[in-house]
N, C-alpha and C. Protein backbone atom coordinates (compact mmCIF):
# COMPACT_ATOMS: atom_id res chain seq x y z
N MET A 1 116.12 69.64 88.62
CA MET A 1 117.37 68.92 89.29
C MET A 1 118.11 68.73 88.42
N LYS A 2 119.58 68.69 89.00
CA LYS A 2 120.69 68.54 88.65
C LYS A 2 121.67 67.37 89.27
N PHE A 3 121.99 65.97 88.92
CA PHE A 3 122.68 65.55 89.37
C PHE A 3 124.12 65.67 88.82
N ILE A 4 125.07 65.32 90.07
CA ILE A 4 126.79 65.55 89.95
C ILE A 4 127.36 64.25 89.70
N SER A 5 128.19 63.86 89.43
CA SER A 5 128.75 62.52 89.07
C SER A 5 129.73 62.20 90.12
N THR A 6 129.91 61.43 90.26
CA THR A 6 130.16 60.58 91.36
C THR A 6 131.81 60.95 91.44
N LEU A 7 132.32 60.99 89.81
CA LEU A 7 133.88 61.51 89.82
C LEU A 7 134.34 62.66 89.77
N THR A 8 133.14 63.77 89.44
CA THR A 8 133.34 65.14 89.96
C THR A 8 133.05 65.15 91.41
N VAL A 9 132.59 64.71 91.95
CA VAL A 9 132.05 65.21 93.50
C VAL A 9 133.87 64.25 93.92
N ALA A 10 133.81 63.42 93.74
CA ALA A 10 135.25 62.71 94.09
C ALA A 10 136.67 63.67 93.85
N GLY A 11 137.03 64.21 92.93
CA GLY A 11 137.71 64.94 92.74
C GLY A 11 137.79 65.96 93.50
N ALA A 12 136.41 66.57 93.68
CA ALA A 12 136.62 68.12 94.39
C ALA A 12 136.47 67.91 96.01
N MET A 13 136.09 66.44 96.60
CA MET A 13 136.36 66.57 97.85
C MET A 13 137.69 65.97 98.07
N ALA A 14 138.74 65.48 97.30
CA ALA A 14 140.07 65.32 97.73
C ALA A 14 140.88 66.68 97.95
N SER A 15 139.99 67.64 96.74
CA SER A 15 140.88 69.16 96.86
C SER A 15 140.13 69.90 98.14
N LEU A 16 139.25 69.27 98.68
CA LEU A 16 139.21 70.41 99.69
C LEU A 16 140.35 71.42 101.07
N ALA A 17 141.05 70.64 100.43
CA ALA A 17 142.24 71.48 101.09
C ALA A 17 142.52 72.95 101.18
N SER A 18 142.52 72.83 99.32
CA SER A 18 142.61 74.40 98.75
C SER A 18 141.48 75.04 98.67
N ALA A 19 139.86 74.91 99.37
CA ALA A 19 138.77 75.45 98.95
C ALA A 19 139.33 76.89 99.58
N PHE A 20 138.55 77.50 98.69
CA PHE A 20 138.87 79.07 98.47
C PHE A 20 137.96 80.10 99.56
N VAL A 21 136.90 79.21 99.97
CA VAL A 21 136.19 80.29 100.84
C VAL A 21 136.09 79.18 102.38
N ASN A 22 135.62 79.83 103.51
CA ASN A 22 135.42 78.89 104.56
C ASN A 22 133.80 79.25 105.01
N PRO A 23 133.21 78.48 104.91
CA PRO A 23 131.52 78.60 105.01
C PRO A 23 131.31 78.80 106.55
N THR A 24 131.15 79.89 106.83
CA THR A 24 130.42 80.29 108.41
C THR A 24 129.11 80.28 108.50
N GLU A 25 127.96 80.41 107.28
CA GLU A 25 126.68 80.37 108.28
C GLU A 25 125.61 79.76 106.73
N PRO A 26 125.57 78.69 106.11
CA PRO A 26 124.55 77.77 107.31
C PRO A 26 126.31 76.73 108.28
N ILE A 27 126.16 76.28 109.07
CA ILE A 27 126.71 75.30 109.77
C ILE A 27 125.53 74.01 110.07
N GLY A 28 126.60 73.11 110.94
CA GLY A 28 125.71 72.07 111.09
C GLY A 28 124.65 72.32 112.01
N SER A 29 124.54 72.92 112.79
CA SER A 29 123.46 73.06 113.85
C SER A 29 122.45 74.22 113.41
N SER A 30 122.50 74.85 112.35
CA SER A 30 121.59 75.82 111.35
C SER A 30 120.26 75.04 111.13
N VAL A 31 119.30 75.82 111.58
CA VAL A 31 118.00 75.40 111.08
C VAL A 31 117.32 76.58 110.10
N TRP A 32 116.84 76.40 109.15
CA TRP A 32 116.22 77.27 108.62
C TRP A 32 115.16 77.07 108.32
N THR A 33 113.98 78.21 108.12
CA THR A 33 112.43 77.86 107.80
C THR A 33 112.24 78.44 106.31
N PRO A 34 111.46 77.59 105.68
CA PRO A 34 110.79 78.40 104.35
C PRO A 34 110.16 79.37 104.61
N GLY A 35 110.20 80.16 103.65
CA GLY A 35 109.48 81.77 103.32
C GLY A 35 110.50 82.68 103.98
N THR A 36 111.29 82.03 105.03
CA THR A 36 112.22 83.05 105.68
C THR A 36 113.56 83.85 105.25
N LYS A 37 114.18 84.98 105.46
CA LYS A 37 115.18 85.26 105.00
C LYS A 37 116.49 85.05 106.07
N VAL A 38 117.28 84.56 105.18
CA VAL A 38 118.62 84.17 105.93
C VAL A 38 119.98 84.90 105.20
N ASN A 39 120.76 84.78 105.97
CA ASN A 39 122.51 85.26 105.00
C ASN A 39 123.49 84.50 105.44
N ILE A 40 123.78 83.76 104.28
CA ILE A 40 124.16 83.30 103.83
C ILE A 40 126.09 83.68 104.55
N THR A 41 126.74 83.25 104.56
CA THR A 41 128.50 83.67 105.02
C THR A 41 129.54 83.11 105.15
N TRP A 42 130.37 83.88 104.70
CA TRP A 42 131.90 83.02 104.33
C TRP A 42 132.71 84.14 104.65
N THR A 43 134.12 83.18 104.76
CA THR A 43 135.04 84.47 105.31
C THR A 43 136.48 83.65 104.44
N ASN A 44 137.68 84.26 104.21
CA ASN A 44 138.68 83.39 103.13
C ASN A 44 139.63 82.54 103.77
N SER A 45 139.62 81.44 103.28
CA SER A 45 139.88 80.04 103.96
C SER A 45 141.37 80.29 103.95
N ALA A 46 142.04 81.20 103.05
CA ALA A 46 143.50 81.62 103.37
C ALA A 46 144.35 80.35 102.58
N GLU A 47 143.67 79.51 101.90
CA GLU A 47 144.10 78.91 100.55
C GLU A 47 143.92 79.19 99.12
N ALA A 48 144.45 78.54 98.19
CA ALA A 48 144.05 78.78 96.55
C ALA A 48 142.87 78.31 96.36
N PRO A 49 142.26 79.14 95.32
CA PRO A 49 142.79 80.58 94.88
C PRO A 49 142.23 81.53 95.81
N PRO A 50 143.14 82.70 96.29
CA PRO A 50 142.73 83.84 97.38
C PRO A 50 141.53 84.14 97.06
N LEU A 51 140.49 85.01 97.89
CA LEU A 51 139.80 85.29 97.63
C LEU A 51 139.98 87.23 97.37
N SER A 52 139.53 87.66 96.39
CA SER A 52 139.77 89.13 95.93
C SER A 52 138.88 89.83 95.81
N ASP A 53 138.36 91.26 95.80
CA ASP A 53 137.50 92.12 95.41
C ASP A 53 137.05 92.06 94.37
N LYS A 54 137.63 91.32 93.38
CA LYS A 54 136.94 91.24 91.82
C LYS A 54 136.49 90.10 91.81
N MET A 55 136.96 88.89 92.60
CA MET A 55 136.17 87.33 92.04
C MET A 55 134.58 87.43 92.40
N LYS A 56 133.79 86.84 92.14
CA LYS A 56 132.64 86.37 91.53
C LYS A 56 132.39 84.82 92.14
N ILE A 57 131.31 85.02 92.68
CA ILE A 57 131.28 83.02 93.19
C ILE A 57 129.79 82.88 92.69
N ASP A 58 129.55 81.59 92.51
CA ASP A 58 128.08 81.09 92.79
C ASP A 58 127.60 80.25 93.49
N ILE A 59 126.48 79.84 94.08
CA ILE A 59 126.15 79.25 95.05
C ILE A 59 124.97 78.26 95.11
N PHE A 60 124.93 77.11 95.61
CA PHE A 60 124.38 76.22 95.03
C PHE A 60 123.40 75.69 95.90
N LEU A 61 122.15 75.11 96.02
CA LEU A 61 121.42 74.40 97.09
C LEU A 61 121.72 73.41 96.61
N MET A 62 122.04 72.32 97.67
CA MET A 62 122.31 70.92 97.47
C MET A 62 121.39 69.97 98.55
N THR A 63 121.53 68.92 97.71
CA THR A 63 120.78 67.71 99.03
C THR A 63 121.48 66.37 98.01
N GLY A 64 120.69 64.93 98.92
CA GLY A 64 121.75 63.74 98.35
C GLY A 64 122.72 63.30 99.34
N SER A 65 123.62 62.27 98.38
CA SER A 65 124.67 62.18 99.35
C SER A 65 125.83 62.54 98.62
N ASP A 66 126.97 61.84 99.46
CA ASP A 66 128.07 62.63 99.13
C ASP A 66 128.34 62.32 97.88
N ALA A 67 128.09 61.09 97.29
CA ALA A 67 127.91 60.78 95.72
C ALA A 67 127.13 59.79 95.41
N PRO A 68 126.35 60.22 94.54
CA PRO A 68 125.77 61.22 94.07
C PRO A 68 125.33 62.73 94.85
N GLN A 69 125.80 63.62 94.23
CA GLN A 69 125.08 64.77 94.79
C GLN A 69 123.73 64.94 94.20
N VAL A 70 122.87 65.78 94.50
CA VAL A 70 121.88 66.57 93.67
C VAL A 70 121.60 68.14 94.13
N GLU A 71 121.98 69.19 92.88
CA GLU A 71 121.81 70.33 92.82
C GLU A 71 120.33 70.54 92.47
N LEU A 72 119.68 71.16 93.79
CA LEU A 72 118.30 71.45 93.47
C LEU A 72 118.03 73.11 92.63
N LYS A 73 119.25 74.16 93.07
CA LYS A 73 118.82 75.20 92.55
C LYS A 73 119.84 76.25 92.57
N LYS A 74 120.67 77.24 91.44
CA LYS A 74 121.27 78.00 91.92
C LYS A 74 120.83 79.67 92.73
N ILE A 75 120.85 79.25 93.71
CA ILE A 75 120.66 80.88 94.66
C ILE A 75 121.11 82.15 94.41
N GLY A 76 122.26 81.96 94.09
CA GLY A 76 123.19 82.92 93.81
C GLY A 76 123.72 83.02 92.69
N GLN A 77 124.08 83.72 92.12
CA GLN A 77 125.20 84.05 91.01
C GLN A 77 125.85 85.36 90.93
N ASN A 78 127.01 84.80 90.15
CA ASN A 78 128.04 86.11 90.06
C ASN A 78 128.22 87.15 91.67
N VAL A 79 128.05 86.28 92.50
CA VAL A 79 127.88 87.23 93.75
C VAL A 79 129.17 87.87 94.16
N SER A 80 129.29 88.92 94.73
CA SER A 80 130.58 89.93 94.81
C SER A 80 131.29 89.13 96.26
N THR A 81 132.41 89.17 96.27
CA THR A 81 133.14 89.21 97.59
C THR A 81 134.23 90.01 97.75
N THR A 82 135.04 89.81 98.77
CA THR A 82 136.10 90.83 99.32
C THR A 82 137.10 90.06 99.59
N ALA A 83 138.36 90.10 99.65
CA ALA A 83 139.14 89.76 100.05
C ALA A 83 139.27 89.05 101.43
N GLN A 84 138.11 89.52 102.25
CA GLN A 84 137.90 88.81 103.65
C GLN A 84 137.05 87.97 103.68
N GLY A 85 136.11 88.12 102.97
CA GLY A 85 134.76 87.29 103.04
C GLY A 85 133.62 87.90 102.56
N GLY A 86 132.33 87.45 102.65
CA GLY A 86 131.43 87.66 102.30
C GLY A 86 129.80 87.60 102.52
N SER A 87 128.76 88.17 102.42
CA SER A 87 127.75 87.32 102.61
C SER A 87 126.12 87.55 101.59
N PHE A 88 125.37 87.09 101.87
CA PHE A 88 124.58 86.98 100.57
C PHE A 88 123.31 86.95 101.38
N GLU A 89 122.05 86.90 101.18
CA GLU A 89 120.88 86.97 101.51
C GLU A 89 120.08 86.13 100.67
N TYR A 90 119.01 85.31 101.60
CA TYR A 90 118.65 84.30 100.69
C TYR A 90 117.35 83.98 101.36
N THR A 91 116.60 83.93 100.45
CA THR A 91 115.02 83.58 100.71
C THR A 91 114.83 82.06 100.89
N VAL A 92 114.42 81.03 101.91
CA VAL A 92 114.56 79.74 101.93
C VAL A 92 113.34 79.20 101.10
N ASP A 93 113.96 77.84 100.57
CA ASP A 93 112.54 77.53 99.64
C ASP A 93 112.02 76.77 100.27
N TYR A 94 110.73 76.26 99.49
CA TYR A 94 110.15 75.19 100.37
C TYR A 94 110.28 73.86 100.18
N VAL A 95 110.64 72.95 100.54
CA VAL A 95 111.32 71.50 100.48
C VAL A 95 110.60 70.38 100.83
N ASP A 96 110.55 69.62 99.99
CA ASP A 96 110.19 68.28 100.89
C ASP A 96 111.11 67.12 100.42
N PRO A 97 111.65 66.08 101.07
CA PRO A 97 110.83 66.05 102.62
C PRO A 97 111.92 67.01 103.39
N PRO A 98 111.55 67.67 104.63
CA PRO A 98 112.25 68.88 105.73
C PRO A 98 113.15 67.49 106.31
N GLY A 99 114.08 68.12 106.67
CA GLY A 99 115.36 67.30 107.51
C GLY A 99 116.76 68.07 107.13
N LYS A 100 117.70 67.21 108.14
CA LYS A 100 119.30 67.44 108.10
C LYS A 100 119.84 67.17 106.62
N ILE A 101 119.28 67.47 105.36
CA ILE A 101 119.76 66.35 104.28
C ILE A 101 120.14 67.83 103.03
N TYR A 102 120.23 69.06 103.57
CA TYR A 102 120.24 70.02 102.75
C TYR A 102 121.87 70.65 102.79
N PHE A 103 122.24 71.27 102.15
CA PHE A 103 123.64 71.65 102.37
C PHE A 103 123.93 72.70 100.60
N LEU A 104 125.29 73.40 100.86
CA LEU A 104 125.40 74.39 99.98
C LEU A 104 126.76 74.34 99.20
N MET A 105 126.72 74.59 98.30
CA MET A 105 128.25 74.31 97.32
C MET A 105 128.55 75.92 97.02
N PHE A 106 129.87 76.42 97.17
CA PHE A 106 129.98 77.47 96.35
C PHE A 106 131.14 77.44 95.34
N LYS A 107 131.01 78.03 94.20
CA LYS A 107 132.00 77.80 93.27
C LYS A 107 132.23 78.93 92.45
N GLU A 108 133.68 78.88 92.05
CA GLU A 108 134.32 80.21 91.53
C GLU A 108 133.34 80.62 90.34
N THR A 109 132.63 81.51 90.03
CA THR A 109 132.31 81.85 88.65
C THR A 109 133.21 81.78 87.53
N ALA A 110 134.16 82.44 87.73
CA ALA A 110 135.20 81.89 86.37
C ALA A 110 136.44 81.17 86.94
N GLY A 111 136.49 80.25 87.67
CA GLY A 111 137.85 79.45 87.70
C GLY A 111 137.68 78.43 88.92
N THR A 112 138.37 77.73 89.77
CA THR A 112 138.52 76.63 89.96
C THR A 112 138.02 76.14 91.35
N GLY A 113 138.20 77.69 92.30
CA GLY A 113 137.70 77.54 93.26
C GLY A 113 136.47 76.78 93.70
N LEU A 114 136.06 76.02 94.88
CA LEU A 114 135.09 74.89 94.80
C LEU A 114 135.24 74.56 96.22
N THR A 115 133.66 74.61 97.43
CA THR A 115 134.01 73.96 98.49
C THR A 115 132.14 73.68 98.88
N TRP A 116 132.21 73.26 99.63
CA TRP A 116 130.75 73.47 100.64
C TRP A 116 130.76 73.82 101.70
N ALA A 117 129.61 74.23 101.84
CA ALA A 117 129.01 74.11 103.39
C ALA A 117 128.58 72.82 104.11
N THR A 118 128.61 72.51 105.34
CA THR A 118 128.15 70.98 105.90
C THR A 118 126.35 71.37 105.39
N ARG A 119 126.15 69.96 106.03
CA ARG A 119 124.27 69.79 105.82
C ARG A 119 124.10 70.41 107.42
N PHE A 120 122.84 70.85 106.84
CA PHE A 120 122.06 71.58 107.81
C PHE A 120 120.61 71.66 107.44
N HIS A 121 119.67 71.80 108.36
CA HIS A 121 118.58 71.45 108.33
C HIS A 121 117.08 72.70 108.30
N ILE A 122 116.68 72.04 107.07
CA ILE A 122 115.17 72.90 106.72
C ILE A 122 113.88 72.54 106.90
N THR A 123 113.47 73.37 107.81
CA THR A 123 112.01 72.70 108.36
C THR A 123 111.07 72.48 107.70
N ASP A 124 109.62 72.03 107.77
CA ASP A 124 108.66 71.99 106.91
C ASP A 124 108.01 73.29 106.52
N ALA A 125 107.07 73.81 106.41
CA ALA A 125 106.46 75.23 106.11
C ALA A 125 106.13 76.31 107.80
N LYS A 126 105.69 74.66 108.30
CA LYS A 126 105.16 75.33 109.79
C LYS A 126 106.57 75.67 110.51
N GLY A 127 107.71 75.38 110.21
CA GLY A 127 108.67 75.36 110.98
C GLY A 127 109.01 74.45 111.94
N VAL A 128 108.54 73.11 111.79
CA VAL A 128 108.83 72.18 112.34
C VAL A 128 110.07 71.30 112.16
N LYS A 129 110.69 70.91 113.06
CA LYS A 129 111.99 70.22 112.31
C LYS A 129 111.83 68.45 112.08
N SER A 130 112.68 67.89 111.72
CA SER A 130 112.22 66.58 110.97
C SER A 130 113.54 65.69 111.51
N THR A 131 112.61 64.62 111.89
CA THR A 131 114.23 63.67 112.61
C THR A 131 114.89 63.32 111.08
N LEU A 132 114.68 63.64 109.99
CA LEU A 132 115.36 62.97 108.74
C LEU A 132 117.44 63.51 108.96
N GLU A 133 117.76 62.75 109.23
CA GLU A 133 119.48 63.16 109.29
C GLU A 133 120.12 61.77 108.28
N PRO A 134 121.18 62.66 107.67
CA PRO A 134 122.26 61.27 106.86
C PRO A 134 122.98 60.65 107.91
N THR A 135 123.34 59.66 107.39
CA THR A 135 124.16 58.68 107.75
C THR A 135 125.69 58.32 106.96
N GLY A 136 126.56 57.60 107.64
CA GLY A 136 127.64 57.48 107.40
C GLY A 136 128.91 58.08 107.72
N GLU A 137 129.91 57.87 107.32
CA GLU A 137 131.22 58.51 107.65
C GLU A 137 131.36 59.33 106.96
N PRO A 138 132.60 60.49 107.06
CA PRO A 138 132.95 61.59 106.09
C PRO A 138 133.21 61.67 104.92
N ASN A 139 133.10 62.09 103.88
CA ASN A 139 133.30 61.88 102.36
C ASN A 139 132.17 60.43 102.02
N LYS A 140 131.51 59.56 102.82
CA LYS A 140 131.19 58.47 102.55
C LYS A 140 129.75 58.65 103.15
N ILE A 141 129.38 59.67 103.13
CA ILE A 141 127.69 60.44 103.63
C ILE A 141 126.70 59.77 102.86
N THR A 142 125.40 59.29 103.57
CA THR A 142 124.69 58.83 102.77
C THR A 142 123.03 59.62 103.37
N ALA A 143 122.46 59.83 102.38
CA ALA A 143 121.25 60.51 102.96
C ALA A 143 120.46 60.53 101.37
N PRO A 144 119.15 60.95 102.11
CA PRO A 144 117.99 61.11 101.29
C PRO A 144 117.85 62.13 100.18
N ALA A 145 117.61 62.31 98.59
CA ALA A 145 117.65 63.39 98.00
C ALA A 145 116.15 64.21 98.29
N GLY A 146 116.08 65.64 98.89
CA GLY A 146 114.98 66.32 98.64
C GLY A 146 115.05 67.01 97.37
N SER A 147 113.37 67.71 97.47
CA SER A 147 113.20 68.83 96.41
C SER A 147 112.77 69.98 96.82
N ILE A 148 112.91 70.81 95.79
CA ILE A 148 111.82 72.08 95.95
C ILE A 148 110.72 72.19 95.60
N VAL A 149 110.11 72.71 96.62
CA VAL A 149 108.11 72.39 96.32
C VAL A 149 107.70 73.61 96.18
N ALA A 150 106.26 74.06 95.68
CA ALA A 150 105.86 75.03 95.79
C ALA A 150 105.30 75.58 97.52
N ALA A 151 105.18 76.82 97.55
CA ALA A 151 105.02 77.22 98.60
C ALA A 151 103.27 76.86 98.83
N PRO A 152 102.95 76.13 100.34
CA PRO A 152 101.38 75.99 100.37
C PRO A 152 100.10 77.34 100.55
N THR A 153 99.22 77.21 99.42
CA THR A 153 98.24 78.17 99.48
C THR A 153 97.68 78.36 101.15
N ALA A 154 97.17 79.59 101.50
CA ALA A 154 96.01 79.66 102.30
C ALA A 154 94.59 78.92 102.25
N ALA A 155 94.20 78.21 103.16
CA ALA A 155 92.85 77.49 103.11
C ALA A 155 92.04 78.71 102.98
N PRO A 156 90.76 78.67 102.35
CA PRO A 156 89.81 79.43 101.82
C PRO A 156 89.05 79.35 103.22
N THR A 157 88.89 80.97 103.29
CA THR A 157 88.24 81.05 104.83
C THR A 157 86.07 81.07 104.39
N THR A 158 85.24 80.75 105.52
CA THR A 158 83.94 80.53 105.18
C THR A 158 83.64 81.76 106.42
N THR A 159 82.36 82.10 106.23
CA THR A 159 81.63 83.04 107.22
C THR A 159 80.42 82.44 107.11
N THR A 160 80.10 82.37 108.95
CA THR A 160 78.50 81.84 109.28
C THR A 160 78.20 83.30 109.75
N THR A 161 77.44 83.11 109.30
CA THR A 161 76.13 84.21 109.68
C THR A 161 74.92 83.73 110.91
N GLY A 162 74.51 84.89 111.62
CA GLY A 162 73.78 84.36 112.71
C GLY A 162 72.39 84.22 112.08
N ALA A 163 71.36 83.79 113.22
CA ALA A 163 70.24 83.55 113.06
C ALA A 163 69.40 84.86 112.11
N ASP A 164 68.16 85.35 111.03
CA ASP A 164 67.82 86.33 111.26
C ASP A 164 67.20 86.93 112.48
N PRO A 165 67.61 88.22 112.89
CA PRO A 165 66.92 88.89 113.78
C PRO A 165 65.37 88.99 114.20
N LYS A 166 64.81 89.01 112.99
CA LYS A 166 63.21 88.97 112.27
C LYS A 166 62.84 87.91 112.27
N ALA A 167 63.43 86.79 112.65
CA ALA A 167 62.50 85.29 112.61
C ALA A 167 62.00 85.50 113.40
N THR A 168 60.28 84.57 113.75
CA THR A 168 60.04 84.01 114.80
C THR A 168 59.92 82.73 114.92
N ALA A 169 59.62 82.30 116.07
CA ALA A 169 59.40 81.20 117.04
C ALA A 169 58.74 80.36 115.69
N ALA A 170 59.08 78.66 115.74
CA ALA A 170 58.25 77.65 114.83
C ALA A 170 58.03 78.29 113.41
N GLY A 171 59.00 79.27 112.95
CA GLY A 171 58.96 79.47 111.75
C GLY A 171 58.30 80.28 111.32
N THR A 172 57.35 81.08 111.87
CA THR A 172 56.16 81.73 111.37
C THR A 172 56.99 82.98 110.59
N PRO A 173 56.67 83.60 109.44
CA PRO A 173 57.05 84.55 108.92
C PRO A 173 56.63 85.86 109.94
N PRO A 174 57.84 87.04 109.67
CA PRO A 174 57.60 88.06 109.86
C PRO A 174 56.24 88.72 109.90
N SER A 175 55.92 88.62 108.79
CA SER A 175 54.78 89.33 108.07
C SER A 175 53.44 88.68 108.28
N ALA A 176 53.28 87.26 108.90
CA ALA A 176 52.20 86.57 109.38
C ALA A 176 52.26 86.82 110.82
N ALA A 177 53.15 86.96 111.52
CA ALA A 177 53.55 87.20 113.16
C ALA A 177 52.73 88.87 112.76
N GLY A 178 53.04 89.62 112.23
CA GLY A 178 52.28 90.92 112.41
C GLY A 178 51.06 90.98 112.13
N THR A 179 50.77 90.41 111.03
CA THR A 179 48.71 90.07 110.98
C THR A 179 48.30 89.71 112.08
N LEU A 180 48.89 88.63 112.92
CA LEU A 180 48.18 87.70 113.90
C LEU A 180 48.18 88.61 115.30
N LYS A 181 49.23 89.70 115.28
CA LYS A 181 49.58 90.46 116.85
C LYS A 181 47.98 91.85 116.57
N ILE A 182 47.78 91.99 114.99
CA ILE A 182 46.82 92.96 114.67
C ILE A 182 45.76 92.38 114.96
N ALA A 183 45.38 91.15 114.71
CA ALA A 183 43.94 90.44 114.69
C ALA A 183 43.99 90.50 116.09
N SER A 184 44.78 90.26 117.03
CA SER A 184 44.49 89.81 118.40
C SER A 184 44.46 91.07 119.33
N THR A 185 45.18 91.99 118.86
CA THR A 185 44.76 93.36 119.55
C THR A 185 42.97 94.12 118.68
N ALA A 186 42.56 94.20 117.90
CA ALA A 186 41.78 94.12 117.23
C ALA A 186 40.50 93.76 117.69
N ALA A 187 40.49 92.38 118.31
CA ALA A 187 39.78 91.09 118.82
C ALA A 187 39.75 92.06 120.22
N ALA A 188 40.47 92.19 121.38
CA ALA A 188 40.75 92.70 122.48
C ALA A 188 39.84 93.66 122.10
N VAL A 189 40.00 94.95 121.32
CA VAL A 189 39.70 96.25 121.45
C VAL A 189 37.52 95.75 121.20
N ALA A 190 37.46 94.90 120.37
CA ALA A 190 36.53 94.52 120.10
C ALA A 190 35.65 93.87 121.59
N GLY A 191 36.33 93.17 122.25
CA GLY A 191 35.63 92.52 123.16
C GLY A 191 35.46 94.01 124.45
N PHE A 192 36.04 94.43 124.44
CA PHE A 192 36.14 95.54 125.75
C PHE A 192 34.94 96.63 124.91
N VAL A 193 34.41 96.94 124.10
CA VAL A 193 33.68 97.73 123.68
C VAL A 193 32.50 96.90 123.77
N GLY A 194 32.37 95.74 123.60
CA GLY A 194 30.67 95.18 123.76
C GLY A 194 30.93 95.19 125.52
N ALA A 195 32.12 94.95 126.01
CA ALA A 195 31.45 94.71 127.42
C ALA A 195 31.11 96.12 128.19
N ALA A 196 31.70 96.87 127.63
CA ALA A 196 31.38 98.67 127.83
C ALA A 196 29.93 98.73 127.41
N ALA A 197 29.27 98.28 126.27
CA ALA A 197 28.02 98.23 125.72
C ALA A 197 26.85 97.94 126.76
N LEU A 198 27.20 96.74 127.46
CA LEU A 198 26.56 95.68 128.14
C LEU A 198 26.19 96.59 129.67
N ALA A 199 27.40 96.85 129.76
CA ALA A 199 27.40 97.81 131.67
C ALA A 199 26.55 99.07 131.03
N PHE A 200 26.27 99.52 129.79
CA PHE A 200 25.64 100.65 130.01
C PHE A 200 24.14 100.45 129.89
N PHE A 201 23.98 99.26 129.10
CA PHE A 201 22.70 98.98 129.13
C PHE A 201 22.41 98.52 130.18
């Protein structure tokens, strides 16, 4: 995490009229979900320094107030552009807290071009929006600083097995149940033989 000094930001804000790119995504209504891929796009602002096919830019994920700003991550380095504009694919980082407190900074890799995209919303890991938003007037906006966090891990799963199909009522072991069944059958046969013998005699 890197803090950008108030002096640096104030000077850069004052020179926004000479911004070299015009960010077209994200915008204020953009909502990004962590773990998904998004396209960051920009066009030529028609201001100096002019875009060209040879220019390279760096893109930073930022948070915090207008001054000081907090640099969370350089998400694009030496990104190619054209004289008309360009795009860059980015997998959204997980952040804490979620809210409309994140923005991008575009910087010419080997030059003086510098500009920002407006603040936009990054949700929580489940894609749920927050009510957290910045306050204040332009160039004096106050917002809490978020941070990049690790992706959540999946909860372990457990498997519940059913009852043993061989189990018998009252907890009687299957082998004992089999013994009881054989004994009762033998007793029934013996009784039948005895009755038959009595009838014969």
